[in-house]
Amino acid sequence: MTVSLSANSEQHVNSILDSEENTSKE
């Protein structure tokens, strides 16, 4: 029903992963 654009940056994904307690590869 829709089309959208998404993007992600290394900075954002790294900031999320740095704040996560779960560091599993999954």
mmCIF file of all heavy atoms, coordinates in Angstrom:
data_MODEL
# 
_entry.id   MODEL 
# 
loop_
_atom_site.group_PDB 
_atom_site.id 
_atom_site.type_symbol 
_atom_site.label_atom_id 
_atom_site.label_alt_id 
_atom_site.label_comp_id 
_atom_site.label_asym_id 
_atom_site.label_entity_id 
_atom_site.label_seq_id 
_atom_site.pdbx_PDB_ins_code 
_atom_site.Cartn_x 
_atom_site.Cartn_y 
_atom_site.Cartn_z 
_atom_site.occupancy 
_atom_site.B_iso_or_equiv 
_atom_site.pdbx_formal_charge 
_atom_site.auth_seq_id 
_atom_site.auth_comp_id 
_atom_site.auth_asym_id 
_atom_site.auth_atom_id 
_atom_site.pdbx_PDB_model_num 
ATOM 1   N N   . MET A 1 1  ? 0.809  -1.218  0.000  1.00 0.00 ? 1  MET A N   1 
ATOM 2   C CA  . MET A 1 1  ? 0.000  0.000   0.000  1.00 0.00 ? 1  MET A CA  1 
ATOM 3   C C   . MET A 1 1  ? 0.846  1.273   0.000  1.00 0.00 ? 1  MET A C   1 
ATOM 4   O O   . MET A 1 1  ? 0.323  2.345   -0.296 1.00 0.00 ? 1  MET A O   1 
ATOM 5   C CB  . MET A 1 1  ? -0.900 0.022   1.234  1.00 0.00 ? 1  MET A CB  1 
ATOM 6   C CG  . MET A 1 1  ? -1.794 -1.181  1.358  1.00 0.00 ? 1  MET A CG  1 
ATOM 7   S SD  . MET A 1 1  ? -3.285 -1.006  0.450  1.00 0.00 ? 1  MET A SD  1 
ATOM 8   C CE  . MET A 1 1  ? -4.334 -0.276  1.653  1.00 0.00 ? 1  MET A CE  1 
ATOM 9   N N   . THR A 1 2  ? 2.102  1.161   0.351  1.00 0.00 ? 2  THR A N   1 
ATOM 10  C CA  . THR A 1 2  ? 2.947  2.344   0.493  1.00 0.00 ? 2  THR A CA  1 
ATOM 11  C C   . THR A 1 2  ? 4.344  2.067   -0.050 1.00 0.00 ? 2  THR A C   1 
ATOM 12  O O   . THR A 1 2  ? 4.734  0.918   -0.241 1.00 0.00 ? 2  THR A O   1 
ATOM 13  C CB  . THR A 1 2  ? 3.100  2.753   1.971  1.00 0.00 ? 2  THR A CB  1 
ATOM 14  O OG1 . THR A 1 2  ? 3.730  1.678   2.684  1.00 0.00 ? 2  THR A OG1 1 
ATOM 15  C CG2 . THR A 1 2  ? 1.770  3.084   2.600  1.00 0.00 ? 2  THR A CG2 1 
ATOM 16  N N   . VAL A 1 3  ? 5.081  3.136   -0.220 1.00 0.00 ? 3  VAL A N   1 
ATOM 17  C CA  . VAL A 1 3  ? 6.513  3.046   -0.467 1.00 0.00 ? 3  VAL A CA  1 
ATOM 18  C C   . VAL A 1 3  ? 7.166  4.117   0.389  1.00 0.00 ? 3  VAL A C   1 
ATOM 19  O O   . VAL A 1 3  ? 6.638  5.223   0.540  1.00 0.00 ? 3  VAL A O   1 
ATOM 20  C CB  . VAL A 1 3  ? 6.873  3.194   -1.967 1.00 0.00 ? 3  VAL A CB  1 
ATOM 21  C CG1 . VAL A 1 3  ? 6.495  4.545   -2.505 1.00 0.00 ? 3  VAL A CG1 1 
ATOM 22  C CG2 . VAL A 1 3  ? 8.344  2.922   -2.187 1.00 0.00 ? 3  VAL A CG2 1 
ATOM 23  N N   . SER A 1 4  ? 8.299  3.747   0.984  1.00 0.00 ? 4  SER A N   1 
ATOM 24  C CA  . SER A 1 4  ? 9.027  4.662   1.860  1.00 0.00 ? 4  SER A CA  1 
ATOM 25  C C   . SER A 1 4  ? 10.524 4.438   1.686  1.00 0.00 ? 4  SER A C   1 
ATOM 26  O O   . SER A 1 4  ? 10.956 3.374   1.249  1.00 0.00 ? 4  SER A O   1 
ATOM 27  C CB  . SER A 1 4  ? 8.669  4.402   3.330  1.00 0.00 ? 4  SER A CB  1 
ATOM 28  O OG  . SER A 1 4  ? 7.305  4.591   3.553  1.00 0.00 ? 4  SER A OG  1 
ATOM 29  N N   . LEU A 1 5  ? 11.277 5.438   2.102  1.00 0.00 ? 5  LEU A N   1 
ATOM 30  C CA  . LEU A 1 5  ? 12.735 5.358   2.082  1.00 0.00 ? 5  LEU A CA  1 
ATOM 31  C C   . LEU A 1 5  ? 13.245 5.266   3.509  1.00 0.00 ? 5  LEU A C   1 
ATOM 32  O O   . LEU A 1 5  ? 12.768 5.991   4.393  1.00 0.00 ? 5  LEU A O   1 
ATOM 33  C CB  . LEU A 1 5  ? 13.334 6.605   1.416  1.00 0.00 ? 5  LEU A CB  1 
ATOM 34  C CG  . LEU A 1 5  ? 14.862 6.700   1.438  1.00 0.00 ? 5  LEU A CG  1 
ATOM 35  C CD1 . LEU A 1 5  ? 15.484 5.664   0.493  1.00 0.00 ? 5  LEU A CD1 1 
ATOM 36  C CD2 . LEU A 1 5  ? 15.319 8.103   1.069  1.00 0.00 ? 5  LEU A CD2 1 
ATOM 37  N N   . SER A 1 6  ? 14.194 4.379   3.707  1.00 0.00 ? 6  SER A N   1 
ATOM 38  C CA  . SER A 1 6  ? 14.890 4.306   4.989  1.00 0.00 ? 6  SER A CA  1 
ATOM 39  C C   . SER A 1 6  ? 16.388 4.325   4.726  1.00 0.00 ? 6  SER A C   1 
ATOM 40  O O   . SER A 1 6  ? 16.852 3.885   3.675  1.00 0.00 ? 6  SER A O   1 
ATOM 41  C CB  . SER A 1 6  ? 14.533 3.026   5.747  1.00 0.00 ? 6  SER A CB  1 
ATOM 42  O OG  . SER A 1 6  ? 13.259 3.127   6.305  1.00 0.00 ? 6  SER A OG  1 
ATOM 43  N N   . ALA A 1 7  ? 17.109 4.837   5.707  1.00 0.00 ? 7  ALA A N   1 
ATOM 44  C CA  . ALA A 1 7  ? 18.569 4.882   5.622  1.00 0.00 ? 7  ALA A CA  1 
ATOM 45  C C   . ALA A 1 7  ? 19.130 4.754   7.025  1.00 0.00 ? 7  ALA A C   1 
ATOM 46  O O   . ALA A 1 7  ? 18.460 5.082   8.011  1.00 0.00 ? 7  ALA A O   1 
ATOM 47  C CB  . ALA A 1 7  ? 19.023 6.202   4.994  1.00 0.00 ? 7  ALA A CB  1 
ATOM 48  N N   . ASN A 1 8  ? 20.356 4.284   7.095  1.00 0.00 ? 8  ASN A N   1 
ATOM 49  C CA  . ASN A 1 8  ? 21.004 4.209   8.401  1.00 0.00 ? 8  ASN A CA  1 
ATOM 50  C C   . ASN A 1 8  ? 22.476 4.552   8.255  1.00 0.00 ? 8  ASN A C   1 
ATOM 51  O O   . ASN A 1 8  ? 23.072 4.362   7.201  1.00 0.00 ? 8  ASN A O   1 
ATOM 52  C CB  . ASN A 1 8  ? 20.852 2.831   9.040  1.00 0.00 ? 8  ASN A CB  1 
ATOM 53  C CG  . ASN A 1 8  ? 20.828 2.902   10.553 1.00 0.00 ? 8  ASN A CG  1 
ATOM 54  O OD1 . ASN A 1 8  ? 20.682 3.974   11.137 1.00 0.00 ? 8  ASN A OD1 1 
ATOM 55  N ND2 . ASN A 1 8  ? 20.967 1.764   11.195 1.00 0.00 ? 8  ASN A ND2 1 
ATOM 56  N N   . SER A 1 9  ? 23.016 5.068   9.335  1.00 0.00 ? 9  SER A N   1 
ATOM 57  C CA  . SER A 1 9  ? 24.416 5.480   9.343  1.00 0.00 ? 9  SER A CA  1 
ATOM 58  C C   . SER A 1 9  ? 25.195 4.655   10.356 1.00 0.00 ? 9  SER A C   1 
ATOM 59  O O   . SER A 1 9  ? 24.631 4.122   11.315 1.00 0.00 ? 9  SER A O   1 
ATOM 60  C CB  . SER A 1 9  ? 24.529 6.967   9.685  1.00 0.00 ? 9  SER A CB  1 
ATOM 61  O OG  . SER A 1 9  ? 24.133 7.199   11.018 1.00 0.00 ? 9  SER A OG  1 
ATOM 62  N N   . GLU A 1 10 ? 26.476 4.570   10.109 1.00 0.00 ? 10 GLU A N   1 
ATOM 63  C CA  . GLU A 1 10 ? 27.368 3.876   11.047 1.00 0.00 ? 10 GLU A CA  1 
ATOM 64  C C   . GLU A 1 10 ? 27.278 4.512   12.433 1.00 0.00 ? 10 GLU A C   1 
ATOM 65  O O   . GLU A 1 10 ? 27.254 3.809   13.442 1.00 0.00 ? 10 GLU A O   1 
ATOM 66  C CB  . GLU A 1 10 ? 28.817 3.920   10.542 1.00 0.00 ? 10 GLU A CB  1 
ATOM 67  C CG  . GLU A 1 10 ? 29.070 3.142   9.284  1.00 0.00 ? 10 GLU A CG  1 
ATOM 68  C CD  . GLU A 1 10 ? 29.032 1.633   9.464  1.00 0.00 ? 10 GLU A CD  1 
ATOM 69  O OE1 . GLU A 1 10 ? 29.062 1.137   10.611 1.00 0.00 ? 10 GLU A OE1 1 
ATOM 70  O OE2 . GLU A 1 10 ? 28.951 0.939   8.433  1.00 0.00 ? 10 GLU A OE2 1 
ATOM 71  N N   . GLN A 1 11 ? 27.201 5.825   12.480 1.00 0.00 ? 11 GLN A N   1 
ATOM 72  C CA  . GLN A 1 11 ? 27.141 6.520   13.763 1.00 0.00 ? 11 GLN A CA  1 
ATOM 73  C C   . GLN A 1 11 ? 25.915 6.090   14.559 1.00 0.00 ? 11 GLN A C   1 
ATOM 74  O O   . GLN A 1 11 ? 26.009 5.833   15.762 1.00 0.00 ? 11 GLN A O   1 
ATOM 75  C CB  . GLN A 1 11 ? 27.119 8.044   13.564 1.00 0.00 ? 11 GLN A CB  1 
ATOM 76  C CG  . GLN A 1 11 ? 28.397 8.623   13.019 1.00 0.00 ? 11 GLN A CG  1 
ATOM 77  C CD  . GLN A 1 11 ? 28.510 8.553   11.491 1.00 0.00 ? 11 GLN A CD  1 
ATOM 78  O OE1 . GLN A 1 11 ? 27.801 7.825   10.808 1.00 0.00 ? 11 GLN A OE1 1 
ATOM 79  N NE2 . GLN A 1 11 ? 29.469 9.295   10.959 1.00 0.00 ? 11 GLN A NE2 1 
ATOM 80  N N   . HIS A 1 12 ? 24.770 6.004   13.893 1.00 0.00 ? 12 HIS A N   1 
ATOM 81  C CA  . HIS A 1 12 ? 23.547 5.645   14.601 1.00 0.00 ? 12 HIS A CA  1 
ATOM 82  C C   . HIS A 1 12 ? 23.581 4.197   15.075 1.00 0.00 ? 12 HIS A C   1 
ATOM 83  O O   . HIS A 1 12 ? 23.275 3.910   16.227 1.00 0.00 ? 12 HIS A O   1 
ATOM 84  C CB  . HIS A 1 12 ? 22.314 5.877   13.741 1.00 0.00 ? 12 HIS A CB  1 
ATOM 85  C CG  . HIS A 1 12 ? 21.060 5.427   14.424 1.00 0.00 ? 12 HIS A CG  1 
ATOM 86  N ND1 . HIS A 1 12 ? 20.516 6.102   15.497 1.00 0.00 ? 12 HIS A ND1 1 
ATOM 87  C CD2 . HIS A 1 12 ? 20.278 4.343   14.232 1.00 0.00 ? 12 HIS A CD2 1 
ATOM 88  C CE1 . HIS A 1 12 ? 19.444 5.460   15.915 1.00 0.00 ? 12 HIS A CE1 1 
ATOM 89  N NE2 . HIS A 1 12 ? 19.278 4.390   15.156 1.00 0.00 ? 12 HIS A NE2 1 
ATOM 90  N N   . VAL A 1 13 ? 23.919 3.286   14.196 1.00 0.00 ? 13 VAL A N   1 
ATOM 91  C CA  . VAL A 1 13 ? 23.923 1.874   14.595 1.00 0.00 ? 13 VAL A CA  1 
ATOM 92  C C   . VAL A 1 13 ? 24.945 1.639   15.703 1.00 0.00 ? 13 VAL A C   1 
ATOM 93  O O   . VAL A 1 13 ? 24.684 0.896   16.649 1.00 0.00 ? 13 VAL A O   1 
ATOM 94  C CB  . VAL A 1 13 ? 24.121 0.920   13.399 1.00 0.00 ? 13 VAL A CB  1 
ATOM 95  C CG1 . VAL A 1 13 ? 25.545 0.875   12.912 1.00 0.00 ? 13 VAL A CG1 1 
ATOM 96  C CG2 . VAL A 1 13 ? 23.632 -0.480  13.746 1.00 0.00 ? 13 VAL A CG2 1 
ATOM 97  N N   . ASN A 1 14 ? 26.084 2.309   15.644 1.00 0.00 ? 14 ASN A N   1 
ATOM 98  C CA  . ASN A 1 14 ? 27.080 2.145   16.702 1.00 0.00 ? 14 ASN A CA  1 
ATOM 99  C C   . ASN A 1 14 ? 26.602 2.709   18.032 1.00 0.00 ? 14 ASN A C   1 
ATOM 100 O O   . ASN A 1 14 ? 26.862 2.121   19.092 1.00 0.00 ? 14 ASN A O   1 
ATOM 101 C CB  . ASN A 1 14 ? 28.414 2.787   16.298 1.00 0.00 ? 14 ASN A CB  1 
ATOM 102 C CG  . ASN A 1 14 ? 29.103 2.007   15.199 1.00 0.00 ? 14 ASN A CG  1 
ATOM 103 O OD1 . ASN A 1 14 ? 28.855 0.811   15.021 1.00 0.00 ? 14 ASN A OD1 1 
ATOM 104 N ND2 . ASN A 1 14 ? 29.954 2.669   14.449 1.00 0.00 ? 14 ASN A ND2 1 
ATOM 105 N N   . SER A 1 15 ? 25.884 3.814   18.002 1.00 0.00 ? 15 SER A N   1 
ATOM 106 C CA  . SER A 1 15 ? 25.371 4.379   19.258 1.00 0.00 ? 15 SER A CA  1 
ATOM 107 C C   . SER A 1 15 ? 24.329 3.454   19.891 1.00 0.00 ? 15 SER A C   1 
ATOM 108 O O   . SER A 1 15 ? 24.287 3.305   21.113 1.00 0.00 ? 15 SER A O   1 
ATOM 109 C CB  . SER A 1 15 ? 24.802 5.785   19.060 1.00 0.00 ? 15 SER A CB  1 
ATOM 110 O OG  . SER A 1 15 ? 23.591 5.745   18.351 1.00 0.00 ? 15 SER A OG  1 
ATOM 111 N N   . ILE A 1 16 ? 23.503 2.826   19.079 1.00 0.00 ? 16 ILE A N   1 
ATOM 112 C CA  . ILE A 1 16 ? 22.530 1.864   19.611 1.00 0.00 ? 16 ILE A CA  1 
ATOM 113 C C   . ILE A 1 16 ? 23.257 0.657   20.196 1.00 0.00 ? 16 ILE A C   1 
ATOM 114 O O   . ILE A 1 16 ? 22.965 0.216   21.314 1.00 0.00 ? 16 ILE A O   1 
ATOM 115 C CB  . ILE A 1 16 ? 21.530 1.413   18.523 1.00 0.00 ? 16 ILE A CB  1 
ATOM 116 C CG1 . ILE A 1 16 ? 20.549 2.532   18.235 1.00 0.00 ? 16 ILE A CG1 1 
ATOM 117 C CG2 . ILE A 1 16 ? 20.781 0.155   18.951 1.00 0.00 ? 16 ILE A CG2 1 
ATOM 118 C CD1 . ILE A 1 16 ? 19.541 2.198   17.177 1.00 0.00 ? 16 ILE A CD1 1 
ATOM 119 N N   . LEU A 1 17 ? 24.196 0.116   19.441 1.00 0.00 ? 17 LEU A N   1 
ATOM 120 C CA  . LEU A 1 17 ? 24.895 -1.078  19.899 1.00 0.00 ? 17 LEU A CA  1 
ATOM 121 C C   . LEU A 1 17 ? 25.725 -0.801  21.143 1.00 0.00 ? 17 LEU A C   1 
ATOM 122 O O   . LEU A 1 17 ? 25.836 -1.662  22.023 1.00 0.00 ? 17 LEU A O   1 
ATOM 123 C CB  . LEU A 1 17 ? 25.765 -1.646  18.778 1.00 0.00 ? 17 LEU A CB  1 
ATOM 124 C CG  . LEU A 1 17 ? 24.985 -2.172  17.574 1.00 0.00 ? 17 LEU A CG  1 
ATOM 125 C CD1 . LEU A 1 17 ? 25.935 -2.618  16.471 1.00 0.00 ? 17 LEU A CD1 1 
ATOM 126 C CD2 . LEU A 1 17 ? 24.029 -3.292  17.969 1.00 0.00 ? 17 LEU A CD2 1 
ATOM 127 N N   . ASP A 1 18 ? 26.278 0.398   21.256 1.00 0.00 ? 18 ASP A N   1 
ATOM 128 C CA  . ASP A 1 18 ? 27.046 0.760   22.450 1.00 0.00 ? 18 ASP A CA  1 
ATOM 129 C C   . ASP A 1 18 ? 26.168 0.823   23.694 1.00 0.00 ? 18 ASP A C   1 
ATOM 130 O O   . ASP A 1 18 ? 26.637 0.600   24.806 1.00 0.00 ? 18 ASP A O   1 
ATOM 131 C CB  . ASP A 1 18 ? 27.753 2.108   22.252 1.00 0.00 ? 18 ASP A CB  1 
ATOM 132 C CG  . ASP A 1 18 ? 28.920 2.020   21.276 1.00 0.00 ? 18 ASP A CG  1 
ATOM 133 O OD1 . ASP A 1 18 ? 29.350 0.886   20.942 1.00 0.00 ? 18 ASP A OD1 1 
ATOM 134 O OD2 . ASP A 1 18 ? 29.377 3.082   20.830 1.00 0.00 ? 18 ASP A OD2 1 
ATOM 135 N N   . SER A 1 19 ? 24.884 1.136   23.515 1.00 0.00 ? 19 SER A N   1 
ATOM 136 C CA  . SER A 1 19 ? 23.986 1.253   24.661 1.00 0.00 ? 19 SER A CA  1 
ATOM 137 C C   . SER A 1 19 ? 23.273 -0.061  24.994 1.00 0.00 ? 19 SER A C   1 
ATOM 138 O O   . SER A 1 19 ? 22.592 -0.150  26.010 1.00 0.00 ? 19 SER A O   1 
ATOM 139 C CB  . SER A 1 19 ? 22.945 2.349   24.412 1.00 0.00 ? 19 SER A CB  1 
ATOM 140 O OG  . SER A 1 19 ? 22.079 1.959   23.374 1.00 0.00 ? 19 SER A OG  1 
ATOM 141 N N   . GLU A 1 20 ? 23.427 -1.065  24.160 1.00 0.00 ? 20 GLU A N   1 
ATOM 142 C CA  . GLU A 1 20 ? 22.757 -2.348  24.361 1.00 0.00 ? 20 GLU A CA  1 
ATOM 143 C C   . GLU A 1 20 ? 23.543 -3.238  25.311 1.00 0.00 ? 20 GLU A C   1 
ATOM 144 O O   . GLU A 1 20 ? 24.762 -3.336  25.222 1.00 0.00 ? 20 GLU A O   1 
ATOM 145 C CB  . GLU A 1 20 ? 22.612 -3.085  23.019 1.00 0.00 ? 20 GLU A CB  1 
ATOM 146 C CG  . GLU A 1 20 ? 21.477 -2.622  22.167 1.00 0.00 ? 20 GLU A CG  1 
ATOM 147 C CD  . GLU A 1 20 ? 20.129 -3.015  22.727 1.00 0.00 ? 20 GLU A CD  1 
ATOM 148 O OE1 . GLU A 1 20 ? 19.890 -4.181  23.039 1.00 0.00 ? 20 GLU A OE1 1 
ATOM 149 O OE2 . GLU A 1 20 ? 19.299 -2.092  22.850 1.00 0.00 ? 20 GLU A OE2 1 
ATOM 150 N N   . GLU A 1 21 ? 22.839 -3.885  26.211 1.00 0.00 ? 21 GLU A N   1 
ATOM 151 C CA  . GLU A 1 21 ? 23.485 -4.872  27.077 1.00 0.00 ? 21 GLU A CA  1 
ATOM 152 C C   . GLU A 1 21 ? 23.695 -6.179  26.328 1.00 0.00 ? 21 GLU A C   1 
ATOM 153 O O   . GLU A 1 21 ? 24.666 -6.877  26.569 1.00 0.00 ? 21 GLU A O   1 
ATOM 154 C CB  . GLU A 1 21 ? 22.638 -5.109  28.327 1.00 0.00 ? 21 GLU A CB  1 
ATOM 155 C CG  . GLU A 1 21 ? 22.664 -3.923  29.274 1.00 0.00 ? 21 GLU A CG  1 
ATOM 156 C CD  . GLU A 1 21 ? 21.895 -4.195  30.548 1.00 0.00 ? 21 GLU A CD  1 
ATOM 157 O OE1 . GLU A 1 21 ? 21.783 -5.361  30.963 1.00 0.00 ? 21 GLU A OE1 1 
ATOM 158 O OE2 . GLU A 1 21 ? 21.411 -3.208  31.133 1.00 0.00 ? 21 GLU A OE2 1 
ATOM 159 N N   . ASN A 1 22 ? 22.774 -6.494  25.444 1.00 0.00 ? 22 ASN A N   1 
ATOM 160 C CA  . ASN A 1 22 ? 22.877 -7.710  24.652 1.00 0.00 ? 22 ASN A CA  1 
ATOM 161 C C   . ASN A 1 22 ? 23.835 -7.448  23.491 1.00 0.00 ? 22 ASN A C   1 
ATOM 162 O O   . ASN A 1 22 ? 23.508 -6.712  22.562 1.00 0.00 ? 22 ASN A O   1 
ATOM 163 C CB  . ASN A 1 22 ? 21.502 -8.112  24.128 1.00 0.00 ? 22 ASN A CB  1 
ATOM 164 C CG  . ASN A 1 22 ? 21.537 -9.372  23.288 1.00 0.00 ? 22 ASN A CG  1 
ATOM 165 O OD1 . ASN A 1 22 ? 22.587 -9.865  22.912 1.00 0.00 ? 22 ASN A OD1 1 
ATOM 166 N ND2 . ASN A 1 22 ? 20.355 -9.887  22.966 1.00 0.00 ? 22 ASN A ND2 1 
ATOM 167 N N   . THR A 1 23 ? 25.011 -8.027  23.546 1.00 0.00 ? 23 THR A N   1 
ATOM 168 C CA  . THR A 1 23 ? 26.024 -7.801  22.516 1.00 0.00 ? 23 THR A CA  1 
ATOM 169 C C   . THR A 1 23 ? 26.139 -8.973  21.542 1.00 0.00 ? 23 THR A C   1 
ATOM 170 O O   . THR A 1 23 ? 27.137 -9.082  20.842 1.00 0.00 ? 23 THR A O   1 
ATOM 171 C CB  . THR A 1 23 ? 27.396 -7.520  23.166 1.00 0.00 ? 23 THR A CB  1 
ATOM 172 O OG1 . THR A 1 23 ? 27.749 -8.656  23.965 1.00 0.00 ? 23 THR A OG1 1 
ATOM 173 C CG2 . THR A 1 23 ? 27.360 -6.253  24.003 1.00 0.00 ? 23 THR A CG2 1 
ATOM 174 N N   . SER A 1 24 ? 25.135 -9.823  21.507 1.00 0.00 ? 24 SER A N   1 
ATOM 175 C CA  . SER A 1 24 ? 25.186 -10.983 20.612 1.00 0.00 ? 24 SER A CA  1 
ATOM 176 C C   . SER A 1 24 ? 25.217 -10.529 19.153 1.00 0.00 ? 24 SER A C   1 
ATOM 177 O O   . SER A 1 24 ? 24.750 -9.445  18.809 1.00 0.00 ? 24 SER A O   1 
ATOM 178 C CB  . SER A 1 24 ? 23.966 -11.877 20.844 1.00 0.00 ? 24 SER A CB  1 
ATOM 179 O OG  . SER A 1 24 ? 22.789 -11.224 20.405 1.00 0.00 ? 24 SER A OG  1 
ATOM 180 N N   . LYS A 1 25 ? 25.764 -11.393 18.321 1.00 0.00 ? 25 LYS A N   1 
ATOM 181 C CA  . LYS A 1 25 ? 25.809 -11.093 16.890 1.00 0.00 ? 25 LYS A CA  1 
ATOM 182 C C   . LYS A 1 25 ? 24.396 -10.930 16.332 1.00 0.00 ? 25 LYS A C   1 
ATOM 183 O O   . LYS A 1 25 ? 24.150 -10.059 15.512 1.00 0.00 ? 25 LYS A O   1 
ATOM 184 C CB  . LYS A 1 25 ? 26.554 -12.183 16.129 1.00 0.00 ? 25 LYS A CB  1 
ATOM 185 C CG  . LYS A 1 25 ? 26.586 -11.896 14.625 1.00 0.00 ? 25 LYS A CG  1 
ATOM 186 C CD  . LYS A 1 25 ? 27.536 -12.743 13.883 1.00 0.00 ? 25 LYS A CD  1 
ATOM 187 C CE  . LYS A 1 25 ? 27.583 -12.538 12.403 1.00 0.00 ? 25 LYS A CE  1 
ATOM 188 N NZ  . LYS A 1 25 ? 26.760 -11.578 11.759 1.00 0.00 ? 25 LYS A NZ  1 
ATOM 189 N N   . GLU A 1 26 ? 23.453 -11.739 16.801 1.00 0.00 ? 26 GLU A N   1 
ATOM 190 C CA  . GLU A 1 26 ? 22.071 -11.643 16.336 1.00 0.00 ? 26 GLU A CA  1 
ATOM 191 C C   . GLU A 1 26 ? 21.487 -10.260 16.634 1.00 0.00 ? 26 GLU A C   1 
ATOM 192 O O   . GLU A 1 26 ? 20.797 -9.671  15.809 1.00 0.00 ? 26 GLU A O   1 
ATOM 193 C CB  . GLU A 1 26 ? 21.193 -12.725 16.979 1.00 0.00 ? 26 GLU A CB  1 
ATOM 194 C CG  . GLU A 1 26 ? 21.522 -14.131 16.541 1.00 0.00 ? 26 GLU A CG  1 
ATOM 195 C CD  . GLU A 1 26 ? 22.699 -14.746 17.285 1.00 0.00 ? 26 GLU A CD  1 
ATOM 196 O OE1 . GLU A 1 26 ? 23.097 -14.237 18.373 1.00 0.00 ? 26 GLU A OE1 1 
ATOM 197 O OE2 . GLU A 1 26 ? 23.255 -15.727 16.772 1.00 0.00 ? 26 GLU A OE2 1 
# 
